[in-house]
Protein backbone atom coordinates (compact mmCIF):
# COMPACT_ATOMS: atom_id res chain seq x y z
CA UNK A 1 -20.77 -10.40 17.86
CA UNK A 2 -23.18 -7.86 19.88
CA UNK A 3 -23.95 -8.62 23.33
CA UNK A 4 -27.94 -7.08 22.91
CA UNK A 5 -30.74 -9.11 23.26
CA UNK A 6 -33.31 -9.29 19.93
CA UNK A 7 -36.54 -7.04 20.24
CA UNK A 8 -38.76 -5.89 18.30
CA UNK A 9 -40.71 -2.50 18.57
CA UNK A 10 -44.17 -1.89 18.40
CA UNK A 11 -44.37 1.29 16.39
CA UNK A 12 -47.28 3.17 16.83
CA UNK A 13 -45.82 6.60 14.84
CA UNK A 14 -46.75 9.04 17.54
CA UNK A 15 -44.35 10.41 20.88
CA UNK A 16 -45.09 8.39 23.72
CA UNK A 17 -43.90 5.73 20.78
CA UNK A 18 -40.86 7.44 19.33
CA UNK A 19 -40.35 8.38 23.29
CA UNK A 20 -40.41 4.97 24.11
CA UNK A 21 -37.77 4.17 21.56
CA UNK A 22 -35.47 6.55 22.10
CA UNK A 23 -34.99 5.59 25.62
CA UNK A 24 -34.28 2.10 24.49
CA UNK A 25 -31.84 3.43 22.26
CA UNK A 26 -30.43 5.65 25.06
CA UNK A 27 -30.11 2.75 26.91
CA UNK A 28 -28.59 0.42 24.90
CA UNK A 29 -29.41 -3.29 26.23
CA UNK A 30 -32.12 -4.22 23.16
CA UNK A 31 -31.34 -4.77 19.25
CA UNK A 32 -34.19 -3.52 18.03
CA UNK A 33 -34.61 -5.09 14.33
CA UNK A 34 -38.01 -4.12 13.32
CA UNK A 35 -40.95 -1.81 14.30
CA UNK A 36 -43.84 -3.64 14.43
CA UNK A 37 -47.17 -1.62 13.46
CA UNK A 38 -50.79 -2.49 12.31
CA UNK A 39 -51.94 -1.22 9.38
CA UNK A 40 -55.77 -1.28 8.27
CA UNK A 41 -55.28 -3.42 4.69
CA UNK A 42 -58.12 -1.61 3.33
CA UNK A 43 -57.08 2.19 3.59
CA UNK A 44 -53.59 1.43 4.51
CA UNK A 45 -53.84 3.74 7.45
CA UNK A 46 -52.01 3.11 10.94
CA UNK A 47 -54.84 1.36 13.01
CA UNK A 48 -54.08 3.51 15.81
CA UNK A 49 -53.45 6.96 14.86
CA UNK A 50 -54.55 6.86 10.86
CA UNK A 51 -51.14 7.21 9.54
CA UNK A 52 -50.76 6.75 6.16
CA UNK A 53 -48.55 3.41 5.10
CA UNK A 54 -46.54 5.39 3.36
CA UNK A 55 -45.63 8.15 6.53
CA UNK A 56 -45.21 4.94 8.35
CA UNK A 57 -42.17 3.81 5.83
CA UNK A 58 -40.86 7.69 5.51
CA UNK A 59 -40.11 7.18 9.70
CA UNK A 60 -38.83 3.75 9.43
CA UNK A 61 -36.41 5.00 6.65
CA UNK A 62 -35.05 7.85 9.11
CA UNK A 63 -34.57 6.21 12.26
CA UNK A 64 -32.85 3.20 10.14
CA UNK A 65 -35.39 0.44 11.83
CA UNK A 66 -37.19 -1.58 8.84
CA UNK A 67 -40.81 -1.59 9.56
CA UNK A 68 -42.94 -4.74 9.69
CA UNK A 69 -46.44 -4.07 8.63
CA UNK A 70 -49.24 -6.35 10.42
CA UNK A 71 -52.08 -6.02 7.56
CA UNK A 72 -55.85 -6.15 9.32
CA UNK A 73 -59.04 -6.37 7.47
CA UNK A 74 -62.24 -5.05 9.18
CA UNK A 75 -63.04 -7.90 10.90
CA UNK A 76 -60.64 -7.23 14.25
CA UNK A 77 -61.52 -10.12 15.43
CA UNK A 78 -58.64 -11.23 12.80
CA UNK A 79 -56.45 -9.48 15.46
CA UNK A 80 -54.71 -11.97 17.87
CA UNK A 81 -53.99 -14.13 15.23
CA UNK A 82 -52.36 -11.42 12.78
CA UNK A 83 -50.04 -10.83 16.16
CA UNK A 84 -49.95 -14.06 16.96
CA UNK A 85 -48.36 -15.18 13.40
CA UNK A 86 -46.10 -11.93 13.86
CA UNK A 87 -44.49 -12.88 17.13
CA UNK A 88 -43.96 -16.67 15.96
CA UNK A 89 -42.32 -14.52 13.16
CA UNK A 90 -39.64 -13.26 14.85
CA UNK A 91 -39.75 -15.68 17.64
CA UNK A 92 -37.71 -17.79 14.57
CA UNK A 93 -35.74 -15.26 14.10
CA UNK A 94 -34.59 -15.35 18.09
CA UNK A 95 -36.55 -12.68 19.39
CA UNK A 96 -37.75 -12.75 22.83
CA UNK A 97 -38.81 -9.71 23.59
CA UNK A 98 -41.60 -7.00 22.52
CA UNK A 99 -41.10 -3.13 23.18
CA UNK A 100 -44.40 -1.05 23.86
CA UNK A 101 -44.91 2.58 24.47
CA UNK A 102 -47.05 2.52 27.42
CA UNK A 103 -47.72 4.77 30.26
CA UNK A 104 -49.95 3.23 32.98
CA UNK A 105 -52.67 1.72 31.59
CA UNK A 106 -52.88 -1.61 33.29
CA UNK A 107 -55.33 -4.10 31.58
CA UNK A 108 -53.74 -2.94 28.03
CA UNK A 109 -50.36 -4.41 29.45
CA UNK A 110 -52.06 -6.74 31.23
CA UNK A 111 -53.58 -7.87 27.68
CA UNK A 112 -49.92 -7.87 25.81
CA UNK A 113 -48.75 -10.47 28.61
CA UNK A 114 -51.42 -12.88 28.65
CA UNK A 115 -50.84 -12.87 24.85
CA UNK A 116 -47.06 -13.09 24.57
CA UNK A 117 -45.82 -14.66 27.03
CA UNK A 118 -47.56 -17.73 26.23
CA UNK A 119 -45.51 -17.52 22.99
CA UNK A 120 -42.30 -17.24 24.92
CA UNK A 121 -41.84 -13.44 24.33
CA UNK A 122 -41.28 -10.99 27.36
CA UNK A 123 -43.29 -7.57 26.94
CA UNK A 124 -41.01 -4.50 27.67
CA UNK A 125 -41.77 -1.35 28.98
CA UNK A 126 -39.43 1.59 28.96
CA UNK A 127 -41.94 4.60 30.12
CA UNK A 128 -44.08 2.66 32.33
CA UNK A 129 -45.31 3.56 35.66
CA UNK A 130 -44.15 7.79 35.30
CA UNK A 131 -46.55 9.72 35.59
CA UNK A 132 -47.95 11.92 32.61
CA UNK A 133 -46.27 14.80 33.60
CA UNK A 134 -43.25 13.16 33.37
CA UNK A 135 -43.76 11.69 30.41
CA UNK A 136 -44.49 15.07 28.68
CA UNK A 137 -41.26 16.38 30.46
CA UNK A 138 -38.94 14.06 29.22
CA UNK A 139 -40.54 13.81 25.87
CA UNK A 140 -40.02 17.84 25.76
CA UNK A 141 -36.51 17.29 26.49
CA UNK A 142 -35.50 14.93 23.77
CA UNK A 143 -35.75 16.76 21.23
CA UNK A 144 -38.54 14.56 19.38
CA UNK A 145 -40.83 16.88 17.33
CA UNK A 146 -44.01 15.93 17.05
CA UNK A 147 -47.66 17.06 15.68
CA UNK A 148 -51.67 16.52 17.02
CA UNK A 149 -52.90 15.23 13.67
CA UNK A 150 -56.49 13.42 15.72
CA UNK A 151 -58.33 14.75 18.84
CA UNK A 152 -61.41 13.86 20.20
CA UNK A 153 -63.99 16.15 18.89
CA UNK A 154 -65.31 16.39 22.49
CA UNK A 155 -62.58 17.17 24.30
CA UNK A 156 -60.21 19.11 21.74
CA UNK A 157 -61.57 21.26 18.79
CA UNK A 158 -59.59 21.37 15.25
CA UNK A 159 -57.45 24.53 16.28
CA UNK A 160 -55.52 21.69 17.93
CA UNK A 161 -54.26 19.57 14.47
CA UNK A 162 -51.74 20.02 13.08
CA UNK A 163 -49.99 21.77 15.53
CA UNK A 164 -46.45 20.73 17.59
CA UNK A 165 -46.19 19.27 21.18
CA UNK A 166 -44.23 22.09 23.05
CA UNK A 167 -44.63 23.83 26.70
CA UNK A 168 -47.19 26.40 25.28
CA UNK A 169 -49.44 24.05 23.89
CA UNK A 170 -49.71 21.92 26.65
CA UNK A 171 -50.92 25.20 29.03
CA UNK A 172 -53.60 25.78 25.98
CA UNK A 173 -54.95 22.61 26.90
CA UNK A 174 -57.93 22.06 28.97
CA UNK A 175 -57.57 21.18 32.61
CA UNK A 176 -59.37 17.63 32.42
CA UNK A 177 -57.10 16.83 29.18
CA UNK A 178 -54.89 14.41 29.72
CA UNK A 179 -51.59 15.75 29.44
CA UNK A 180 -50.47 12.67 27.28
CA UNK A 181 -53.75 12.00 25.48
CA UNK A 182 -53.24 8.77 27.88
CA UNK A 183 -57.33 8.52 27.61
CA UNK A 184 -57.71 9.07 23.82
CA UNK A 185 -58.02 12.61 23.71
CA UNK A 186 -55.33 12.87 20.69
CA UNK A 187 -52.65 10.89 18.99
CA UNK A 188 -49.63 12.72 17.46
CA UNK A 189 -47.20 11.91 13.96
CA UNK A 190 -43.73 12.38 15.35
CA UNK A 191 -41.17 13.12 12.21
CA UNK A 192 -37.76 14.68 13.63
CA UNK A 193 -35.54 15.23 16.33
CA UNK A 194 -33.83 12.67 18.43
CA UNK A 195 -34.39 9.27 16.97
CA UNK A 196 -35.08 10.33 13.36
CA UNK A 197 -31.56 11.11 10.80
CA UNK A 198 -33.89 13.47 8.87
CA UNK A 199 -36.91 15.26 9.34
CA UNK A 200 -39.80 12.97 7.78
CA UNK A 201 -41.13 15.08 4.74
CA UNK A 202 -44.68 15.36 4.60
CA UNK A 203 -47.82 17.54 4.66
CA UNK A 204 -50.96 18.19 5.98
CA UNK A 205 -53.76 19.31 3.63
CA UNK A 206 -57.11 19.51 5.31
CA UNK A 207 -58.64 18.56 8.86
CA UNK A 208 -61.64 16.55 8.61
CA UNK A 209 -64.75 15.52 11.25
CA UNK A 210 -64.71 12.11 11.24
CA UNK A 211 -67.36 9.81 13.22
CA UNK A 212 -67.47 6.25 14.31
CA UNK A 213 -69.85 3.87 15.73
CA UNK A 214 -68.82 0.72 18.08
CA UNK A 215 -70.80 -1.40 19.84
CA UNK A 216 -69.96 -1.90 23.82
CA UNK A 217 -69.96 -5.38 25.48
CA UNK A 218 -73.11 -4.29 26.67
CA UNK A 219 -74.76 -4.32 22.64
CA UNK A 220 -75.02 -0.31 23.59
CA UNK A 221 -74.29 1.26 20.27
CA UNK A 222 -72.63 4.54 20.39
CA UNK A 223 -70.76 6.99 18.46
CA UNK A 224 -67.59 8.78 18.65
CA UNK A 225 -66.08 11.99 16.68
CA UNK A 226 -62.81 13.22 15.78
CA UNK A 227 -61.04 15.62 13.99
CA UNK A 228 -58.41 14.20 11.85
CA UNK A 229 -55.51 15.43 9.65
CA UNK A 230 -55.04 14.67 6.47
CA UNK A 231 -52.02 13.98 4.54
CA UNK A 232 -51.12 15.04 1.22
CA UNK A 233 -50.88 11.95 -1.26
């Protein structure tokens, strides 16, 4: 019988998630029973990085860990209930740990702990409290391959879409951009190396500018602009 603790890995499909999972696999303390990911049930795209569900399935198949989608409607207020349902589902299977790939956003970690601890689920953060330079060094050393698929259009132009993260690309990034995109400057799609048994087959067919309107807590409405990769069906 395995002495490893059962855990669910909260999978975004991007580089930090892939690095955190790689770290967990190297440490061998946890048995990861599922890759939990949130998916917009209307668009069938991941809620974090706009990755098509079919590609998330391909990632999971190559990694060798089952994908567990949490489907979210347009009404984001349902998010907490859906996540609580997922936590209870896995707790019934003996899971007491949820693993995340956060780096240093303390408010994000507190949010997770405030909601999971009352359910008897511990939050595990394998790459927590490293600075962005350290995380990027570890990522490059891991051999994981990943492409930029979304950028904040005010920070990085469309030339970055479809580019692999490597030392040369990091040098091209403006000084004000966090090297790991921790402030939302960019998002990525991990597709080969380290945790993957074989490369994930995919194709980016175009780059599209997208605009989203959000209502802030003070009632102000703000429009955000992004460059986004569009994948072949």
